[in-house]
Amino acid sequence: MRLIALAVLLLNLPTFTHATESSTATWSIYKEHGNVRVYSHKTAADHLEVKAVAVVQAIPGALVALLHDAQRGPEWIANCRRVVIETKSDHERIIHVYYSAPWPVEDRDMVIDSVIHYDPQARKITISVQDVGEQYPLERGYVRMKHVSGEWQAIQLNHQQTQISYQGQGSAAGHMPLWLENKLLLSSTYETFLNMAAVIEEAVYQIPPPHP
């Protein structure tokens, strides 16, 4: 099973669990291809925190539009089975991501609170993610991921390019060796960012944010 840091995912990431540690950490490059680079470092608990960066031909608002397109989540999020989004306000959503896993690893899911922050002067959008899985019933057939935290950023570089970045971490929970969890976190983050960098450039996502 490949886990996005999530959320992923997916899909949107206030304060890091290890904010002080992250700011002083030495990051190691995991893999790069074209304008996509993925880095990692070990936390005090030997889990990995990941950081991914890509430069894309898109506007910053494209990140918001893509992350809120639940139907297409399985197309670009590594091993994503489906995405369910509950809108709380224009700036906040609850995102439930379901991941498939090859036998004998159990399928995973995560529930995150996604909050959008706009900074028009800096031409930047930040999407903070906080784990809220304990507030929702467990799903039959899935192991609920824990301690998911992170942050997406979209920074406009010029009229054609935007830098998309993600930094975060989480626990796969359940019965999974730490070495395997770390390995899959890296591979899934890399695969997800490669897919994201291609999909986010589509014309349908070039939508200015509703509240710049």
C-alpha atoms as a PDB file:
ATOM      1  CA  MET A   1       0.000   0.000   0.000  1.00  0.00           C
ATOM      2  CA  ARG A   2       1.175   3.461  -0.783  1.00  0.00           C
ATOM      3  CA  LEU A   3       0.200   6.235   1.564  1.00  0.00           C
ATOM      4  CA  ILE A   4       0.214   9.916   0.706  1.00  0.00           C
ATOM      5  CA  ALA A   5       1.185  12.039   3.443  1.00  0.00           C
ATOM      6  CA  LEU A   6      -1.094  12.922   3.143  1.00  0.00           C
ATOM      7  CA  ALA A   7      -3.242  13.504   2.220  1.00  0.00           C
ATOM      8  CA  VAL A   8      -3.219  13.269   1.417  1.00  0.00           C
ATOM      9  CA  LEU A   9      -3.839  13.690   0.270  1.00  0.00           C
ATOM     10  CA  LEU A  10      -4.687  14.424  -0.266  1.00  0.00           C
ATOM     11  CA  LEU A  11      -5.666  16.590  -0.326  1.00  0.00           C
ATOM     12  CA  ASN A  12      -4.788  19.340   2.114  1.00  0.00           C
ATOM     13  CA  LEU A  13      -2.624  20.119   4.892  1.00  0.00           C
ATOM     14  CA  PRO A  14      -2.296  24.201  10.811  1.00  0.00           C
ATOM     15  CA  THR A  15       0.774  23.539  12.760  1.00  0.00           C
ATOM     16  CA  PHE A  16       3.157  20.645  12.191  1.00  0.00           C
ATOM     17  CA  THR A  17       3.434  17.961  14.838  1.00  0.00           C
ATOM     18  CA  HIS A  18       7.184  18.535  14.891  1.00  0.00           C
ATOM     19  CA  ALA A  19       7.348  22.151  13.737  1.00  0.00           C
ATOM     20  CA  THR A  20      10.600  23.040  15.507  1.00  0.00           C
ATOM     21  CA  GLU A  21      12.251  19.841  14.447  1.00  0.00           C
ATOM     22  CA  SER A  22      11.162  20.313  10.821  1.00  0.00           C
ATOM     23  CA  SER A  23      12.589  23.810  10.620  1.00  0.00           C
ATOM     24  CA  THR A  24      16.064  22.630  11.602  1.00  0.00           C
ATOM     25  CA  ALA A  25      16.023  19.204   9.957  1.00  0.00           C
ATOM     26  CA  THR A  26      18.465  18.081   7.303  1.00  0.00           C
ATOM     27  CA  TRP A  27      16.458  16.935   4.316  1.00  0.00           C
ATOM     28  CA  SER A  28      17.669  14.142   2.041  1.00  0.00           C
ATOM     29  CA  ILE A  29      16.609  13.904  -1.577  1.00  0.00           C
ATOM     30  CA  TYR A  30      14.618  10.750  -2.250  1.00  0.00           C
ATOM     31  CA  LYS A  31      13.923  11.051  -5.956  1.00  0.00           C
ATOM     32  CA  GLU A  32      13.466  13.676  -8.648  1.00  0.00           C
ATOM     33  CA  HIS A  33      12.117  13.788 -12.164  1.00  0.00           C
ATOM     34  CA  GLY A  34      11.819  16.941 -14.242  1.00  0.00           C
ATOM     35  CA  ASN A  35      10.357  19.637 -12.017  1.00  0.00           C
ATOM     36  CA  VAL A  36       9.296  17.203  -9.274  1.00  0.00           C
ATOM     37  CA  ARG A  37      11.474  16.559  -6.208  1.00  0.00           C
ATOM     38  CA  VAL A  38      10.729  14.587  -3.041  1.00  0.00           C
ATOM     39  CA  TYR A  39      12.742  14.866   0.190  1.00  0.00           C
ATOM     40  CA  SER A  40      12.560  13.237   3.609  1.00  0.00           C
ATOM     41  CA  HIS A  41      14.009  13.240   7.093  1.00  0.00           C
ATOM     42  CA  LYS A  42      13.467  11.098  10.189  1.00  0.00           C
ATOM     43  CA  THR A  43      11.587  12.423  13.183  1.00  0.00           C
ATOM     44  CA  ALA A  44      12.589  11.700  16.778  1.00  0.00           C
ATOM     45  CA  ALA A  45      10.309   8.634  16.676  1.00  0.00           C
ATOM     46  CA  ASP A  46      12.049   7.331  13.510  1.00  0.00           C
ATOM     47  CA  HIS A  47       9.000   8.018  11.360  1.00  0.00           C
ATOM     48  CA  LEU A  48       9.546   9.921   8.136  1.00  0.00           C
ATOM     49  CA  GLU A  49       8.407  13.427   7.357  1.00  0.00           C
ATOM     50  CA  VAL A  50       8.239  14.116   3.639  1.00  0.00           C
ATOM     51  CA  LYS A  51       8.538  17.248   1.546  1.00  0.00           C
ATOM     52  CA  ALA A  52       7.641  17.398  -2.131  1.00  0.00           C
ATOM     53  CA  VAL A  53       8.023  20.282  -4.575  1.00  0.00           C
ATOM     54  CA  ALA A  54       6.926  20.765  -8.183  1.00  0.00           C
ATOM     55  CA  VAL A  55       6.839  23.707 -10.603  1.00  0.00           C
ATOM     56  CA  VAL A  56       3.767  23.568 -12.841  1.00  0.00           C
ATOM     57  CA  GLN A  57       2.122  25.550 -15.613  1.00  0.00           C
ATOM     58  CA  ALA A  58      -0.916  26.562 -13.584  1.00  0.00           C
ATOM     59  CA  ILE A  59      -2.339  29.288 -11.384  1.00  0.00           C
ATOM     60  CA  PRO A  60      -2.292  28.916  -7.562  1.00  0.00           C
ATOM     61  CA  GLY A  61      -6.063  28.428  -7.477  1.00  0.00           C
ATOM     62  CA  ALA A  62      -5.644  25.249  -9.502  1.00  0.00           C
ATOM     63  CA  LEU A  63      -4.427  23.464  -6.363  1.00  0.00           C
ATOM     64  CA  VAL A  64      -7.686  24.222  -4.546  1.00  0.00           C
ATOM     65  CA  ALA A  65      -9.769  23.186  -7.542  1.00  0.00           C
ATOM     66  CA  LEU A  66      -7.890  19.900  -7.929  1.00  0.00           C
ATOM     67  CA  LEU A  67      -7.959  18.932  -4.261  1.00  0.00           C
ATOM     68  CA  HIS A  68     -11.700  19.545  -4.114  1.00  0.00           C
ATOM     69  CA  ASP A  69     -12.445  17.423  -7.180  1.00  0.00           C
ATOM     70  CA  ALA A  70     -13.321  14.231  -5.312  1.00  0.00           C
ATOM     71  CA  GLN A  71     -14.292  12.315  -8.427  1.00  0.00           C
ATOM     72  CA  ARG A  72     -10.799  12.524  -9.922  1.00  0.00           C
ATOM     73  CA  GLY A  73      -8.899  11.839  -6.700  1.00  0.00           C
ATOM     74  CA  PRO A  74      -8.285   8.157  -7.578  1.00  0.00           C
ATOM     75  CA  GLU A  75      -6.700   9.220 -10.877  1.00  0.00           C
ATOM     76  CA  TRP A  76      -3.737  11.005  -9.289  1.00  0.00           C
ATOM     77  CA  ILE A  77      -3.523  10.065  -5.603  1.00  0.00           C
ATOM     78  CA  ALA A  78      -1.444   6.898  -5.285  1.00  0.00           C
ATOM     79  CA  ASN A  79      -3.586   3.845  -4.499  1.00  0.00           C
ATOM     80  CA  CYS A  80      -6.606   5.984  -3.729  1.00  0.00           C
ATOM     81  CA  ARG A  81      -9.889   4.098  -3.978  1.00  0.00           C
ATOM     82  CA  ARG A  82     -12.235   7.026  -3.414  1.00  0.00           C
ATOM     83  CA  VAL A  83     -12.509  10.473  -1.846  1.00  0.00           C
ATOM     84  CA  VAL A  84     -15.512  11.864   0.042  1.00  0.00           C
ATOM     85  CA  ILE A  85     -15.648  15.593   0.788  1.00  0.00           C
ATOM     86  CA  GLU A  86     -17.908  17.391   3.269  1.00  0.00           C
ATOM     87  CA  THR A  87     -17.995  21.175   2.820  1.00  0.00           C
ATOM     88  CA  LYS A  88     -18.096  23.096   6.121  1.00  0.00           C
ATOM     89  CA  SER A  89     -17.497  26.569   4.620  1.00  0.00           C
ATOM     90  CA  ASP A  90     -15.814  28.236   1.651  1.00  0.00           C
ATOM     91  CA  HIS A  91     -12.493  27.773   3.471  1.00  0.00           C
ATOM     92  CA  GLU A  92     -12.910  24.477   5.302  1.00  0.00           C
ATOM     93  CA  ARG A  93     -13.676  20.908   4.315  1.00  0.00           C
ATOM     94  CA  ILE A  94     -13.610  17.465   5.890  1.00  0.00           C
ATOM     95  CA  ILE A  95     -11.916  15.050   3.517  1.00  0.00           C
ATOM     96  CA  HIS A  96     -12.178  11.272   3.861  1.00  0.00           C
ATOM     97  CA  VAL A  97      -9.733   9.309   1.712  1.00  0.00           C
ATOM     98  CA  TYR A  98      -9.884   5.526   1.203  1.00  0.00           C
ATOM     99  CA  TYR A  99      -6.738   3.655   0.098  1.00  0.00           C
ATOM    100  CA  SER A 100      -6.470   0.172  -1.371  1.00  0.00           C
ATOM    101  CA  ALA A 101      -3.589  -2.114  -0.421  1.00  0.00           C
ATOM    102  CA  PRO A 102      -2.231  -5.377  -1.825  1.00  0.00           C
ATOM    103  CA  TRP A 103      -2.663  -8.501   0.287  1.00  0.00           C
ATOM    104  CA  PRO A 104      -1.741  -9.097   3.075  1.00  0.00           C
ATOM    105  CA  VAL A 105      -1.582  -5.383   3.995  1.00  0.00           C
ATOM    106  CA  GLU A 106      -4.924  -4.048   5.206  1.00  0.00           C
ATOM    107  CA  ASP A 107      -6.638  -1.185   3.399  1.00  0.00           C
ATOM    108  CA  ARG A 108      -6.321   2.239   5.038  1.00  0.00           C
ATOM    109  CA  ASP A 109      -8.416   5.373   5.343  1.00  0.00           C
ATOM    110  CA  MET A 110      -7.896   8.821   6.832  1.00  0.00           C
ATOM    111  CA  VAL A 111     -10.143  11.730   7.784  1.00  0.00           C
ATOM    112  CA  ILE A 112      -8.658  15.223   7.739  1.00  0.00           C
ATOM    113  CA  ASP A 113      -9.853  18.773   8.338  1.00  0.00           C
ATOM    114  CA  SER A 114      -8.634  20.971   5.467  1.00  0.00           C
ATOM    115  CA  VAL A 115      -8.461  24.755   5.894  1.00  0.00           C
ATOM    116  CA  ILE A 116      -7.530  27.192   3.101  1.00  0.00           C
ATOM    117  CA  HIS A 117      -5.554  30.376   3.786  1.00  0.00           C
ATOM    118  CA  TYR A 118      -5.244  33.024   1.068  1.00  0.00           C
ATOM    119  CA  ASP A 119      -2.405  35.578   0.927  1.00  0.00           C
ATOM    120  CA  PRO A 120      -3.023  37.729  -2.175  1.00  0.00           C
ATOM    121  CA  GLN A 121      -0.072  40.044  -1.469  1.00  0.00           C
ATOM    122  CA  ALA A 122       2.353  37.121  -1.489  1.00  0.00           C
ATOM    123  CA  ARG A 123       0.408  35.457  -4.317  1.00  0.00           C
ATOM    124  CA  LYS A 124       0.220  32.345  -2.166  1.00  0.00           C
ATOM    125  CA  ILE A 125      -2.384  29.811  -1.091  1.00  0.00           C
ATOM    126  CA  THR A 126      -1.767  27.582   1.934  1.00  0.00           C
ATOM    127  CA  ILE A 127      -3.892  24.545   2.740  1.00  0.00           C
ATOM    128  CA  SER A 128      -3.443  23.236   6.282  1.00  0.00           C
ATOM    129  CA  VAL A 129      -4.484  19.728   7.265  1.00  0.00           C
ATOM    130  CA  GLN A 130      -5.247  18.331  10.693  1.00  0.00           C
ATOM    131  CA  ASP A 131      -6.162  14.753  11.599  1.00  0.00           C
ATOM    132  CA  VAL A 132      -9.757  14.409  12.829  1.00  0.00           C
ATOM    133  CA  GLY A 133     -10.076  10.652  12.378  1.00  0.00           C
ATOM    134  CA  GLU A 134     -10.911  10.067  16.048  1.00  0.00           C
ATOM    135  CA  GLN A 135     -14.067  12.156  15.640  1.00  0.00           C
ATOM    136  CA  TYR A 136     -15.574   9.843  13.028  1.00  0.00           C
ATOM    137  CA  PRO A 137     -16.698   6.195  13.200  1.00  0.00           C
ATOM    138  CA  LEU A 138     -14.270   3.570  11.969  1.00  0.00           C
ATOM    139  CA  GLU A 139     -15.015   2.062   8.577  1.00  0.00           C
ATOM    140  CA  ARG A 140     -15.392  -1.689   8.256  1.00  0.00           C
ATOM    141  CA  GLY A 141     -12.514  -3.192   6.298  1.00  0.00           C
ATOM    142  CA  TYR A 142     -10.191  -0.206   6.797  1.00  0.00           C
ATOM    143  CA  VAL A 143      -7.465   0.676   9.306  1.00  0.00           C
ATOM    144  CA  ARG A 144      -7.732   4.347  10.271  1.00  0.00           C
ATOM    145  CA  MET A 145      -4.475   6.274   9.780  1.00  0.00           C
ATOM    146  CA  LYS A 146      -3.354   8.447  12.722  1.00  0.00           C
ATOM    147  CA  HIS A 147      -1.448  11.654  13.450  1.00  0.00           C
ATOM    148  CA  VAL A 148      -1.782  12.989   9.903  1.00  0.00           C
ATOM    149  CA  SER A 149      -0.567  16.577   9.649  1.00  0.00           C
ATOM    150  CA  GLY A 150       0.953  18.780   7.011  1.00  0.00           C
ATOM    151  CA  GLU A 151       0.617  21.661   4.652  1.00  0.00           C
ATOM    152  CA  TRP A 152       0.189  22.298   0.944  1.00  0.00           C
ATOM    153  CA  GLN A 153       1.351  25.585  -0.605  1.00  0.00           C
ATOM    154  CA  ALA A 154       0.843  27.118  -4.030  1.00  0.00           C
ATOM    155  CA  ILE A 155       3.087  30.128  -4.731  1.00  0.00           C
ATOM    156  CA  GLN A 156       2.819  32.027  -8.005  1.00  0.00           C
ATOM    157  CA  LEU A 157       6.267  32.459  -9.557  1.00  0.00           C
ATOM    158  CA  ASN A 158       5.205  34.376 -12.673  1.00  0.00           C
ATOM    159  CA  HIS A 159       2.180  34.668 -14.953  1.00  0.00           C
ATOM    160  CA  GLN A 160       2.705  31.117 -16.228  1.00  0.00           C
ATOM    161  CA  GLN A 161       4.235  29.100 -13.383  1.00  0.00           C
ATOM    162  CA  THR A 162       3.313  28.139  -9.817  1.00  0.00           C
ATOM    163  CA  GLN A 163       5.360  26.227  -7.262  1.00  0.00           C
ATOM    164  CA  ILE A 164       3.333  23.518  -5.513  1.00  0.00           C
ATOM    165  CA  SER A 165       4.756  22.046  -2.315  1.00  0.00           C
ATOM    166  CA  TYR A 166       3.651  19.633   0.361  1.00  0.00           C
ATOM    167  CA  GLN A 167       5.217  18.848   3.740  1.00  0.00           C
ATOM    168  CA  GLY A 168       3.734  16.416   6.202  1.00  0.00           C
ATOM    169  CA  GLN A 169       3.693  13.132   8.041  1.00  0.00           C
ATOM    170  CA  GLY A 170       1.362  10.524   9.503  1.00  0.00           C
ATOM    171  CA  SER A 171       1.137   7.022  10.882  1.00  0.00           C
ATOM    172  CA  ALA A 172      -0.238   4.096   8.904  1.00  0.00           C
ATOM    173  CA  ALA A 173      -1.310   2.541  12.226  1.00  0.00           C
ATOM    174  CA  GLY A 174      -2.293  -1.117  12.439  1.00  0.00           C
ATOM    175  CA  HIS A 175       0.221  -3.918  12.042  1.00  0.00           C
ATOM    176  CA  MET A 176       2.831  -2.583   9.648  1.00  0.00           C
ATOM    177  CA  PRO A 177       6.615  -2.561  10.193  1.00  0.00           C
ATOM    178  CA  LEU A 178       8.018   0.945  10.493  1.00  0.00           C
ATOM    179  CA  TRP A 179      10.547   0.355   7.700  1.00  0.00           C
ATOM    180  CA  LEU A 180       7.758  -0.643   5.314  1.00  0.00           C
ATOM    181  CA  GLU A 181       5.577   2.283   6.373  1.00  0.00           C
ATOM    182  CA  ASN A 182       8.428   4.713   5.668  1.00  0.00           C
ATOM    183  CA  LYS A 183       9.224   3.114   2.323  1.00  0.00           C
ATOM    184  CA  LEU A 184       5.637   3.285   1.143  1.00  0.00           C
ATOM    185  CA  LEU A 185       5.220   6.860   2.324  1.00  0.00           C
ATOM    186  CA  LEU A 186       8.125   7.937   0.107  1.00  0.00           C
ATOM    187  CA  SER A 187       7.047   5.991  -2.966  1.00  0.00           C
ATOM    188  CA  SER A 188       3.421   7.121  -2.694  1.00  0.00           C
ATOM    189  CA  THR A 189       4.368  10.770  -2.232  1.00  0.00           C
ATOM    190  CA  TYR A 190       6.591  10.631  -5.309  1.00  0.00           C
ATOM    191  CA  GLU A 191       3.955   8.905  -7.449  1.00  0.00           C
ATOM    192  CA  THR A 192       1.246  11.289  -6.269  1.00  0.00           C
ATOM    193  CA  PHE A 193       3.294  14.382  -7.058  1.00  0.00           C
ATOM    194  CA  LEU A 194       4.207  13.141 -10.520  1.00  0.00           C
ATOM    195  CA  ASN A 195       0.513  12.571 -11.233  1.00  0.00           C
ATOM    196  CA  MET A 196      -0.526  15.866  -9.643  1.00  0.00           C
ATOM    197  CA  ALA A 197       1.977  17.865 -11.710  1.00  0.00           C
ATOM    198  CA  ALA A 198       0.358  16.601 -14.894  1.00  0.00           C
ATOM    199  CA  VAL A 199      -3.318  16.781 -13.935  1.00  0.00           C
ATOM    200  CA  ILE A 200      -3.182  20.230 -12.302  1.00  0.00           C
ATOM    201  CA  GLU A 201      -2.174  21.846 -15.611  1.00  0.00           C
ATOM    202  CA  GLU A 202      -5.494  20.950 -17.247  1.00  0.00           C
ATOM    203  CA  ALA A 203      -7.597  23.950 -18.288  1.00  0.00           C
ATOM    204  CA  VAL A 204     -10.547  22.877 -16.130  1.00  0.00           C
ATOM    205  CA  TYR A 205      -8.533  23.632 -12.966  1.00  0.00           C
ATOM    206  CA  GLN A 206      -7.352  27.116 -13.935  1.00  0.00           C
ATOM    207  CA  ILE A 207      -9.977  28.741 -11.739  1.00  0.00           C
ATOM    208  CA  PRO A 208      -9.174  31.819  -9.628  1.00  0.00           C
ATOM    209  CA  PRO A 209      -9.980  31.214  -5.948  1.00  0.00           C
ATOM    210  CA  PRO A 210     -13.409  32.501  -4.872  1.00  0.00           C
ATOM    211  CA  HIS A 211     -11.897  34.560  -2.035  1.00  0.00           C
ATOM    212  CA  PRO A 212      -8.455  35.809  -3.101  1.00  0.00           C
END
